[in-house]
Protein backbone atom coordinates (compact mmCIF):
# COMPACT_ATOMS: atom_id res chain seq x y z
CA MET A 1 -21.07 21.36 -11.66
CA HIS A 2 -24.91 20.77 -11.83
CA SER A 3 -26.84 20.56 -8.48
CA PRO A 4 -29.94 18.75 -9.20
CA ASN A 5 -33.17 18.90 -7.64
CA SER A 6 -34.09 15.53 -8.48
CA ILE A 7 -32.13 12.09 -9.14
CA ASP A 8 -29.16 12.73 -11.35
CA TYR A 9 -27.02 9.74 -10.86
CA ASP A 10 -27.92 6.19 -10.02
CA VAL A 11 -24.74 5.87 -8.44
CA ILE A 12 -22.17 8.17 -7.14
CA VAL A 13 -18.53 6.84 -6.28
CA ILE A 14 -16.25 8.81 -4.18
CA GLY A 15 -12.68 8.48 -5.09
CA GLY A 16 -10.60 7.68 -8.34
CA GLY A 17 -8.22 5.13 -7.87
CA ASN A 18 -8.28 1.14 -8.26
CA ALA A 19 -11.25 0.55 -6.30
CA GLY A 20 -13.03 3.51 -7.24
CA LEU A 21 -12.72 3.05 -10.68
CA CYS A 22 -13.60 -0.66 -10.48
CA ALA A 23 -16.81 0.37 -8.77
CA ALA A 24 -17.69 2.93 -11.50
CA LEU A 25 -16.98 0.51 -14.26
CA SER A 26 -19.26 -2.56 -12.69
CA ALA A 27 -21.94 -0.10 -12.21
CA SER A 28 -22.03 1.49 -15.27
CA LYS A 29 -21.67 -2.04 -17.03
CA ALA A 30 -24.71 -2.95 -15.09
CA GLY A 31 -26.59 -0.22 -16.42
CA SER A 32 -26.22 2.46 -13.92
CA LYS A 33 -25.51 6.02 -14.75
CA VAL A 34 -22.76 6.86 -12.95
CA LEU A 35 -20.69 9.97 -11.61
CA LEU A 36 -17.14 9.30 -10.13
CA ILE A 37 -15.79 12.24 -7.91
CA GLU A 38 -11.99 12.65 -8.20
CA LYS A 39 -10.41 15.06 -5.35
CA ALA A 40 -7.32 15.66 -7.09
CA PRO A 41 -6.50 17.52 -10.29
CA ILE A 42 -6.38 15.37 -13.29
CA GLY A 43 -2.21 15.37 -12.78
CA PHE A 44 -2.59 13.62 -9.68
CA ARG A 45 -5.66 11.62 -9.89
CA GLY A 46 -5.88 7.92 -8.55
CA GLY A 47 -5.21 7.79 -4.92
CA ASN A 48 -2.30 5.47 -4.29
CA CYS A 49 -2.75 3.43 -7.54
CA PRO A 50 0.18 5.53 -9.40
CA TYR A 51 2.41 4.65 -6.62
CA THR A 52 2.17 0.73 -6.71
CA GLY A 53 3.87 -1.49 -8.66
CA GLY A 54 0.80 -2.80 -10.40
CA GLY A 55 0.86 -6.27 -8.90
CA PHE A 56 -2.15 -8.44 -8.70
CA ARG A 57 -1.80 -11.55 -6.35
CA PHE A 58 -4.72 -14.19 -7.02
CA VAL A 59 -5.55 -18.09 -7.15
CA HIS A 60 -4.44 -19.60 -10.24
CA ASN A 61 -3.11 -23.31 -11.64
CA GLY A 62 -0.14 -21.92 -13.08
CA LYS A 63 0.44 -21.43 -16.80
CA PRO A 64 -3.12 -22.25 -18.40
CA ASP A 65 -4.68 -19.59 -15.87
CA LEU A 66 -2.23 -17.30 -16.29
CA GLU A 67 -1.60 -17.49 -20.28
CA PRO A 68 -5.04 -15.76 -21.21
CA LEU A 69 -4.52 -12.98 -19.07
CA LEU A 70 -1.17 -11.50 -20.71
CA ALA A 71 -1.20 -8.96 -23.39
CA ASP A 72 1.69 -10.93 -25.05
CA SER A 73 1.38 -14.69 -24.16
CA SER A 74 4.71 -15.29 -26.10
CA SER A 75 6.41 -14.20 -22.70
CA ILE A 76 5.08 -17.16 -20.53
CA ARG A 77 6.08 -19.71 -23.14
CA HIS A 78 9.67 -19.48 -22.37
CA VAL A 79 8.93 -20.34 -18.95
CA ASP A 80 8.98 -24.27 -18.12
CA THR A 81 6.70 -24.34 -15.11
CA ILE A 82 4.66 -22.04 -12.75
CA ASP A 83 3.62 -23.28 -9.77
CA HIS A 84 0.07 -22.91 -8.53
CA TYR A 85 -1.00 -20.64 -5.99
CA THR A 86 -3.87 -22.00 -4.12
CA ASP A 87 -6.81 -20.90 -1.75
CA ASP A 88 -5.10 -22.21 1.09
CA GLN A 89 -1.73 -21.19 0.24
CA TYR A 90 -3.20 -17.36 -0.18
CA ARG A 91 -5.09 -17.87 3.07
CA ARG A 92 -2.19 -18.90 5.23
CA ASP A 93 0.18 -16.05 3.66
CA MET A 94 -2.03 -13.48 4.57
CA LEU A 95 -3.16 -14.58 8.20
CA GLU A 96 0.62 -15.46 8.98
CA ARG A 97 1.30 -11.95 7.95
CA THR A 98 -1.83 -10.02 9.78
CA GLY A 99 -1.30 -12.16 13.06
CA HIS A 100 -4.43 -13.91 11.90
CA MET A 101 -6.54 -11.26 12.47
CA THR A 102 -7.96 -10.52 9.02
CA ASN A 103 -11.56 -10.78 8.73
CA PRO A 104 -12.40 -14.20 7.63
CA ASP A 105 -15.46 -13.67 5.91
CA LEU A 106 -13.85 -11.04 3.62
CA LEU A 107 -10.65 -13.09 3.07
CA ASP A 108 -12.86 -15.91 1.82
CA GLN A 109 -14.47 -13.25 -0.51
CA LEU A 110 -11.36 -12.15 -1.65
CA ILE A 111 -9.85 -15.20 -2.31
CA SER A 112 -12.61 -16.54 -4.32
CA GLN A 113 -13.06 -13.55 -6.41
CA SER A 114 -9.52 -12.94 -6.97
CA TYR A 115 -8.91 -14.88 -10.28
CA PRO A 116 -12.67 -13.90 -11.73
CA THR A 117 -11.97 -10.57 -10.97
CA VAL A 118 -8.54 -10.09 -12.91
CA GLN A 119 -10.41 -11.99 -15.91
CA TRP A 120 -12.98 -9.18 -15.56
CA MET A 121 -10.47 -6.59 -15.66
CA THR A 122 -8.94 -7.70 -19.14
CA SER A 123 -12.25 -7.87 -20.64
CA LEU A 124 -12.23 -3.60 -19.54
CA GLY A 125 -8.93 -3.49 -21.35
CA VAL A 126 -6.47 -3.67 -18.88
CA SER A 127 -3.14 -5.08 -20.12
CA PHE A 128 -1.11 -7.46 -17.98
CA GLU A 129 2.24 -9.25 -17.94
CA LEU A 130 3.94 -11.29 -16.05
CA SER A 131 5.06 -10.38 -12.47
CA GLY A 132 8.76 -11.66 -12.54
CA GLY A 133 9.91 -10.39 -15.73
CA SER A 134 9.15 -8.02 -19.02
CA ASN A 135 8.16 -9.38 -22.47
CA THR A 136 11.50 -9.53 -23.98
CA GLY A 137 11.38 -13.43 -24.56
CA ALA A 138 14.01 -14.10 -21.89
CA GLN A 139 13.58 -16.59 -19.29
CA VAL A 140 11.56 -15.58 -16.42
CA ARG A 141 10.79 -16.97 -13.11
CA PRO A 142 7.66 -15.48 -12.13
CA ASP A 143 6.18 -15.24 -8.40
CA PRO A 144 3.57 -17.42 -8.76
CA ARG A 145 1.91 -15.47 -5.67
CA VAL A 146 1.84 -12.18 -7.82
CA GLY A 147 0.58 -13.87 -10.97
CA VAL A 148 0.47 -10.49 -12.95
CA ARG A 149 1.23 -6.79 -12.80
CA ALA A 150 -0.33 -4.00 -15.14
CA LEU A 151 1.66 -3.00 -18.04
CA GLY A 152 3.09 0.29 -17.05
CA SER A 153 2.93 -0.54 -13.45
CA GLY A 154 0.34 1.50 -11.34
CA ILE A 155 0.32 4.13 -13.57
CA GLY A 156 -0.38 2.21 -16.29
CA LEU A 157 -3.17 0.42 -14.56
CA LEU A 158 -4.71 3.59 -13.92
CA ASN A 159 -4.46 5.17 -17.26
CA MET A 160 -6.39 1.87 -18.57
CA LEU A 161 -8.77 2.08 -15.95
CA TYR A 162 -9.66 5.61 -17.06
CA LYS A 163 -9.86 4.94 -20.42
CA ALA A 164 -12.37 2.06 -20.13
CA ALA A 165 -14.46 4.46 -17.37
CA GLU A 166 -14.58 7.13 -20.29
CA GLN A 167 -15.63 4.84 -22.91
CA SER A 168 -18.33 3.20 -20.36
CA GLY A 169 -20.02 6.96 -19.88
CA VAL A 170 -18.84 7.16 -16.30
CA VAL A 171 -19.11 10.86 -15.91
CA ILE A 172 -15.82 12.08 -14.10
CA VAL A 173 -15.11 15.44 -12.28
CA TYR A 174 -11.76 16.31 -10.58
CA GLU A 175 -11.02 18.64 -8.27
CA THR A 176 -14.23 18.29 -6.04
CA LYS A 177 -14.15 16.80 -2.35
CA MET A 178 -16.87 15.26 -0.82
CA VAL A 179 -18.16 17.10 2.28
CA SER A 180 -20.70 14.70 3.96
CA LEU A 181 -23.18 12.14 3.24
CA LEU A 182 -26.97 12.75 2.54
CA GLU A 183 -28.86 10.67 5.09
CA ASN A 184 -32.32 9.81 3.94
CA PRO A 185 -35.10 10.84 6.49
CA LEU A 186 -36.64 7.06 6.03
CA GLY A 187 -33.34 5.70 6.40
CA GLY A 188 -30.22 5.04 4.54
CA ILE A 189 -27.80 7.31 2.41
CA ASN A 190 -29.43 9.05 -1.06
CA GLY A 191 -26.45 11.39 -2.08
CA VAL A 192 -23.68 13.59 -0.98
CA ILE A 193 -22.36 17.30 0.00
CA CYS A 194 -19.76 18.06 -2.39
CA LYS A 195 -17.57 21.05 -2.94
CA ASP A 196 -15.59 22.36 -5.85
CA LYS A 197 -14.37 25.65 -7.41
CA ASP A 198 -17.61 27.02 -8.03
CA GLY A 199 -18.99 26.11 -4.29
CA ILE A 200 -20.93 23.53 -2.31
CA HIS A 201 -23.22 21.08 -4.44
CA ARG A 202 -26.11 18.54 -3.14
CA LEU A 203 -25.98 15.61 -5.38
CA GLU A 204 -28.93 13.14 -4.95
CA CYS A 205 -28.69 9.41 -5.92
CA TYR A 206 -29.54 5.90 -5.06
CA SER A 207 -26.28 4.49 -3.91
CA VAL A 208 -22.89 5.97 -3.10
CA VAL A 209 -19.79 4.43 -3.06
CA LEU A 210 -16.78 5.10 -0.73
CA ALA A 211 -13.50 4.43 -2.37
CA CYS A 212 -11.45 7.67 -1.17
CA GLY A 213 -8.63 6.13 0.43
CA GLY A 214 -7.10 6.46 3.80
CA PHE A 215 -5.97 8.93 5.90
CA GLU A 216 -2.16 8.65 5.89
CA ALA A 217 -1.91 12.56 4.42
CA ASN A 218 -4.00 14.05 7.17
CA GLN A 219 -1.73 14.99 10.15
CA GLU A 220 -4.07 15.29 12.37
CA MET A 221 -5.76 12.18 11.92
CA ARG A 222 -1.94 10.15 12.04
CA LEU A 223 -1.34 11.76 15.40
CA LYS A 224 -4.91 10.58 16.72
CA TYR A 225 -5.00 7.13 15.73
CA LEU A 226 -1.21 6.17 14.78
CA GLY A 227 0.71 8.17 17.42
CA PRO A 228 2.84 10.94 18.10
CA ALA A 229 5.98 8.99 16.11
CA TRP A 230 3.65 9.66 12.72
CA GLU A 231 2.73 13.01 13.06
CA LEU A 232 5.56 14.48 10.98
CA ALA A 233 6.17 11.38 8.90
CA LYS A 234 6.60 12.07 5.03
CA VAL A 235 3.89 10.71 3.00
CA ARG A 236 4.93 8.27 0.44
CA GLY A 237 1.55 8.25 -1.48
CA SER A 238 -1.11 10.44 -2.33
CA MET A 239 -1.21 13.76 -0.53
CA PHE A 240 -5.28 13.78 -1.23
CA ASN A 241 -5.69 11.01 1.16
CA THR A 242 -6.99 12.86 4.14
CA GLY A 243 -9.67 10.45 5.49
CA ASP A 244 -12.73 12.14 4.20
CA GLY A 245 -14.32 9.12 3.82
CA HIS A 246 -13.54 7.69 7.23
CA ARG A 247 -15.03 11.00 8.85
CA ALA A 248 -18.08 11.04 6.51
CA ALA A 249 -19.11 7.52 7.34
CA LEU A 250 -18.13 7.66 10.98
CA SER A 251 -20.46 10.73 11.38
CA ILE A 252 -23.41 8.67 10.06
CA GLY A 253 -22.56 5.67 12.21
CA ALA A 254 -20.42 3.26 10.34
CA LYS A 255 -18.67 1.13 12.11
CA PRO A 256 -14.79 1.52 12.51
CA VAL A 257 -12.87 -1.71 12.55
CA GLY A 258 -9.39 -3.01 11.69
CA GLN A 259 -6.18 -1.64 13.53
CA TRP A 260 -6.69 2.21 13.18
CA SER A 261 -3.12 2.57 14.87
CA GLY A 262 -1.66 0.57 11.95
CA CYS A 263 -0.17 1.94 8.59
CA HIS A 264 2.22 0.44 5.84
CA GLY A 265 5.37 2.35 6.55
CA THR A 266 8.81 1.83 5.43
CA PRO A 267 12.68 3.32 5.66
CA ILE A 268 13.03 6.21 3.25
CA ASP A 269 15.60 8.62 1.92
CA LEU A 270 15.60 11.41 5.01
CA ASP A 271 15.89 13.61 1.99
CA ALA A 272 12.65 12.93 0.69
CA PRO A 273 9.86 15.26 -0.17
CA ASN A 274 7.20 15.27 2.69
CA THR A 275 4.77 14.27 0.14
CA GLY A 276 4.90 11.63 -2.49
CA SER A 277 5.51 11.74 -6.46
CA PRO A 278 4.90 8.63 -8.73
CA ALA A 279 8.04 9.39 -10.60
CA SER A 280 10.27 9.10 -7.55
CA VAL A 281 8.25 6.93 -5.21
CA ASP A 282 10.15 3.82 -6.23
CA ARG A 283 13.56 5.19 -5.58
CA LEU A 284 13.22 6.22 -2.03
CA PRO A 285 12.90 3.46 0.28
CA ARG A 286 16.15 2.15 1.85
CA ARG A 287 15.85 -1.58 2.69
CA SER A 288 19.35 -2.77 2.47
CA TYR A 289 19.50 -2.41 6.38
CA THR A 290 20.11 -6.15 7.07
CA TYR A 291 23.61 -6.13 5.42
CA GLY A 292 24.65 -3.50 7.95
CA ILE A 293 23.34 -1.66 10.98
CA MET A 294 21.26 0.87 12.09
CA LEU A 295 22.04 4.09 14.47
CA ASN A 296 19.81 6.13 16.22
CA LEU A 297 20.77 9.91 16.90
CA ARG A 298 22.63 8.83 20.12
CA GLY A 299 24.83 6.65 18.02
CA GLU A 300 23.24 3.48 19.36
CA ARG A 301 21.90 0.61 17.87
CA PHE A 302 18.11 0.21 18.56
CA VAL A 303 16.46 -2.92 16.60
CA ASP A 304 17.26 -6.00 15.26
CA GLU A 305 18.43 -5.64 11.77
CA GLY A 306 18.50 -9.02 10.77
CA LYS A 307 15.17 -10.27 12.47
CA ASP A 308 13.91 -11.16 8.89
CA PHE A 309 14.27 -10.46 5.14
CA ALA A 310 13.30 -6.68 4.44
CA LEU A 311 10.47 -7.56 2.57
CA SER A 312 8.95 -9.39 5.57
CA ASN A 313 9.51 -6.54 7.92
CA PHE A 314 10.11 -3.31 6.56
CA ILE A 315 7.16 -1.66 8.00
CA GLU A 316 8.01 -2.71 11.35
CA MET A 317 11.45 -1.04 10.47
CA GLY A 318 9.78 2.12 9.64
CA SER A 319 7.71 2.67 12.50
CA MET A 320 11.06 1.80 14.76
CA ILE A 321 12.63 4.72 13.25
CA LEU A 322 10.14 7.22 13.64
CA SER A 323 10.11 5.88 17.46
CA GLN A 324 13.52 7.26 17.54
CA PRO A 325 15.04 11.06 18.28
CA MET A 326 14.08 13.01 15.77
CA GLY A 327 12.63 10.16 13.49
CA ILE A 328 16.08 9.95 12.15
CA ALA A 329 18.48 6.83 11.76
CA ILE A 330 21.85 6.09 10.11
CA GLN A 331 22.27 2.91 8.21
CA LEU A 332 25.91 2.10 8.35
CA PHE A 333 27.63 -0.21 6.00
CA ASP A 334 31.48 -1.12 5.36
CA ASN A 335 33.18 -2.41 2.05
CA LYS A 336 32.55 -5.98 2.49
CA THR A 337 28.59 -5.43 1.92
CA SER A 338 28.14 -2.21 0.28
CA GLY A 339 28.38 -4.07 -2.87
CA LEU A 340 25.00 -5.64 -1.83
CA LEU A 341 22.75 -2.47 -1.23
CA GLU A 342 19.96 -1.88 -3.91
CA GLU A 343 20.46 0.56 -6.85
CA ARG A 344 18.26 3.11 -5.47
CA TYR A 345 20.60 3.95 -2.81
CA GLY A 346 22.70 5.51 -5.62
CA SER A 347 20.09 8.19 -5.58
CA SER A 348 20.43 9.77 -2.30
CA GLU A 349 23.47 11.51 -0.47
CA VAL A 350 26.45 9.17 0.75
CA ILE A 351 28.54 10.04 3.52
CA CYS A 352 31.84 7.79 3.36
CA ALA A 353 34.87 7.66 6.12
CA GLN A 354 38.04 5.57 6.34
CA THR A 355 37.45 5.30 10.30
CA ILE A 356 34.45 4.78 12.49
CA GLN A 357 35.76 7.97 14.31
CA GLU A 358 35.69 10.05 10.97
CA MET A 359 32.20 8.82 10.37
CA ALA A 360 30.66 10.02 13.76
CA GLU A 361 32.46 13.26 13.36
CA LYS A 362 30.74 13.52 9.76
CA LEU A 363 27.65 12.69 11.19
CA GLY A 364 27.60 14.94 14.08
CA LEU A 365 27.36 12.05 16.38
CA ASP A 366 29.30 11.35 19.77
CA ALA A 367 32.31 9.54 18.40
CA ARG A 368 33.01 7.77 21.83
CA ILE A 369 29.48 6.60 21.83
CA VAL A 370 29.65 5.57 18.56
CA GLU A 371 33.03 3.82 18.53
CA ALA A 372 31.98 1.73 21.88
CA THR A 373 28.75 0.93 20.08
CA ILE A 374 30.57 -0.79 16.67
CA SER A 375 33.29 -2.52 19.29
CA ASN A 376 30.57 -3.95 21.21
CA TYR A 377 28.54 -5.24 18.22
CA ASN A 378 31.57 -6.65 16.17
CA ASN A 379 33.14 -8.57 19.58
CA SER A 380 29.54 -10.01 19.56
CA VAL A 381 29.35 -11.62 15.99
CA GLN A 382 29.75 -15.19 15.67
CA ASN A 383 31.26 -17.13 13.14
CA GLY A 384 29.44 -18.56 10.41
CA ILE A 385 28.88 -18.47 6.47
CA PHE A 386 27.17 -15.22 5.57
CA ASP A 387 24.43 -15.94 2.84
CA PRO A 388 22.45 -12.88 1.87
CA GLU A 389 20.07 -15.47 -0.33
CA ARG A 390 18.62 -17.11 3.07
CA LEU A 391 18.37 -16.66 6.75
CA ASP A 392 21.40 -17.90 7.29
CA GLY A 393 21.61 -17.85 11.28
CA LYS A 394 24.72 -15.85 11.22
CA CYS A 395 23.99 -13.80 14.75
CA THR A 396 25.71 -12.00 17.48
CA VAL A 397 25.64 -13.19 21.13
CA GLY A 398 25.69 -11.05 24.26
CA ILE A 399 24.14 -7.64 23.12
CA TYR A 400 20.93 -6.21 22.79
CA PRO A 401 19.42 -5.65 20.51
CA PRO A 402 20.75 -8.80 18.76
CA LYS A 403 21.39 -9.46 15.42
CA SER A 404 19.79 -12.77 14.54
CA ASN A 405 21.05 -13.06 10.70
CA TRP A 406 23.76 -11.84 8.31
CA ALA A 407 25.72 -10.28 11.24
CA THR A 408 29.32 -9.17 9.69
CA ARG A 409 31.82 -7.03 11.61
CA LEU A 410 31.95 -3.54 10.64
CA ASP A 411 35.82 -3.19 10.25
CA THR A 412 36.64 -2.85 6.67
CA PRO A 413 36.70 0.60 5.29
CA PRO A 414 35.37 2.62 3.49
CA TYR A 415 32.60 2.96 5.51
CA ARG A 416 29.19 4.31 4.00
CA ALA A 417 26.34 5.79 5.57
CA TYR A 418 22.86 7.25 4.68
CA LYS A 419 20.70 8.78 6.88
CA VAL A 420 17.14 7.66 6.87
CA THR A 421 13.32 8.56 8.22
CA GLY A 422 10.09 6.73 8.24
CA GLY A 423 7.61 7.11 5.55
CA ILE A 424 3.67 6.23 5.33
CA ALA A 425 2.34 4.40 2.15
CA TYR A 426 -1.29 3.70 3.42
CA THR A 427 -3.22 3.20 6.44
CA PHE A 428 -5.02 -0.08 8.07
CA GLY A 429 -7.91 1.34 9.90
CA GLY A 430 -11.39 1.53 8.16
CA ILE A 431 -14.95 1.26 8.12
CA ASN A 432 -16.77 -2.27 8.31
CA ILE A 433 -18.47 -4.09 5.43
CA ASP A 434 -19.99 -7.40 4.36
CA ILE A 435 -19.18 -9.39 1.49
CA LYS A 436 -21.25 -7.51 -0.96
CA SER A 437 -19.29 -4.22 0.25
CA ARG A 438 -22.28 -3.16 1.89
CA VAL A 439 -21.64 -0.57 4.69
CA GLN A 440 -22.43 -1.41 8.44
CA ASP A 441 -23.26 0.47 11.21
CA THR A 442 -22.13 0.13 15.00
CA GLU A 443 -24.77 -2.81 15.63
CA ASP A 444 -23.68 -4.67 12.32
CA THR A 445 -26.75 -3.80 10.46
CA ILE A 446 -26.44 -2.52 6.82
CA ILE A 447 -26.55 1.06 5.91
CA PRO A 448 -29.01 1.23 3.09
CA GLY A 449 -27.52 2.74 0.02
CA LEU A 450 -23.81 2.92 1.07
CA TYR A 451 -20.93 0.90 -0.20
CA ALA A 452 -17.22 1.00 0.48
CA ALA A 453 -14.31 -0.56 -1.32
CA GLY A 454 -10.13 -0.12 -1.31
CA GLU A 455 -7.95 1.55 1.70
CA ILE A 456 -11.02 2.93 3.40
CA VAL A 457 -12.22 -0.65 4.18
CA GLY A 458 -10.98 -2.08 7.55
CA GLY A 459 -10.27 -5.61 8.61
CA PHE A 460 -7.69 -6.75 6.09
CA PHE A 461 -4.43 -5.35 7.60
CA TYR A 462 -3.45 -5.98 10.94
CA TYR A 463 0.54 -5.24 12.05
CA ASP A 464 1.54 -5.74 8.23
CA SER A 465 0.16 -6.00 4.83
CA LEU A 466 0.60 -8.97 2.05
CA ARG A 467 2.41 -7.92 -1.53
CA ALA A 468 0.07 -7.25 -4.09
CA SER A 469 -3.12 -8.06 -2.11
CA GLY A 470 -4.19 -4.06 -1.81
CA LEU A 471 -4.94 -3.69 -5.54
CA MET A 472 -6.57 -6.97 -5.46
CA HIS A 473 -9.01 -6.48 -2.60
CA GLY A 474 -9.79 -3.00 -3.79
CA ALA A 475 -10.80 -4.54 -7.22
CA VAL A 476 -12.64 -7.64 -5.78
CA PHE A 477 -14.76 -4.89 -3.39
CA GLY A 478 -14.63 -2.44 -5.73
CA ARG A 479 -16.53 -4.71 -8.54
CA MET A 480 -18.71 -5.96 -5.93
CA ALA A 481 -19.47 -2.57 -4.62
CA GLY A 482 -20.81 -1.09 -8.23
CA LEU A 483 -22.67 -4.01 -8.72
CA GLU A 484 -24.65 -4.20 -5.47
CA ALA A 485 -25.11 -0.33 -6.11
CA ALA A 486 -26.28 -0.64 -9.37
CA ASN A 487 -28.63 -3.29 -8.30
CA ARG A 488 -30.32 -1.33 -5.70
CA ALA A 489 -30.29 1.49 -8.07
CA MET A 490 -32.54 -0.60 -10.48
CA GLU A 491 -34.90 -1.56 -7.64
CA ARG A 492 -35.66 1.92 -6.79
């Protein structure tokens, strides 16, 4: 890599995922000479983008707004109606999910720019399909909250964005790590120090965009910020998201915001690899716990398995599992509900038994404790109609923890058990930006020349995240960061 003695690039973007590519493309389209620095080798590029389903949540007025976004508009003609998704619905959904903690200014910007940003992405060559089904001509029932998804899911999205960036003239380098930010003696940021196989390089520019993800793959930072339960957690996302941007930004005075103790986790197969692979990531989650019970290695229940639908509380469940001995739990089902398990359960080892005692012995648990746990649970289950399609109120009474919905007696062999642990996908804590993606210091003053987008930004997610809003806010604020970075470069 050339180490210039003067300005070689107008804008340098750190991180080649969804947010970084949107920033690079936005800056390039605005006339800037752009360098994108990707830490991973080309085969592992893209941060967490390849691990996603490629869905985008945005406001729209139903079919008239969705049809122009689709690569094959014939799919939508088989749909009678698609409900609108309004500003107020988006805001309510986010705030309910995050305990009303999301930064209101950033949320308003996300909502107002969501649809225009997806339109902009289509102009770059990103192809979308309806989120509720493939383009086969069959009747589909799209979820209005997730209007479209990229063709080919997250990997498809990534490849389309890289193609657009290359065609736009963005210079891309791989296997290059940002070490630190260059501070201008007159104030602000004017470049980066980075490292590749050839050594250390000093690169100067007018604007830097940080879009290099979270710290989920950094064991030391997980322990420091998330706590001991997460120190040994398996990583479901990119192994290259190690908090480089967080450390660099904090070291020059950027303000930390958001829930640094929070993350997106989920129950996953105990035998999952320690780091993620896009090819296998969708096979690893184990989210059918609502139809059975979960035991820890002491043979005891430790959580309300029926508190809510799994899609609404799997993050909480992942954390609860990791807080148990060895960070391990057993999901246990009987023959009445085993047919309801997600197909992905078929990719992991199942332990089968005809009696609870036999099951306990196969699991290496104390049979007396397990039998007592199951007996107490069965005796507490109330009569009622079991309905997996709704919160059915079929609950337990007189035990702790309770099971609030879908409580059925475990009394019909064969019994099936799956060993699970908690896996981490991304972290919530980050640095502070304004609505133009400008990074702010601890006194809420803009740091000239420094912008941020994507997972590194704090203030969006607390306690939980909102489906398909991660890619959306990465794209919205990536686009904004690139434009603002380019504007600053043109003014210099």
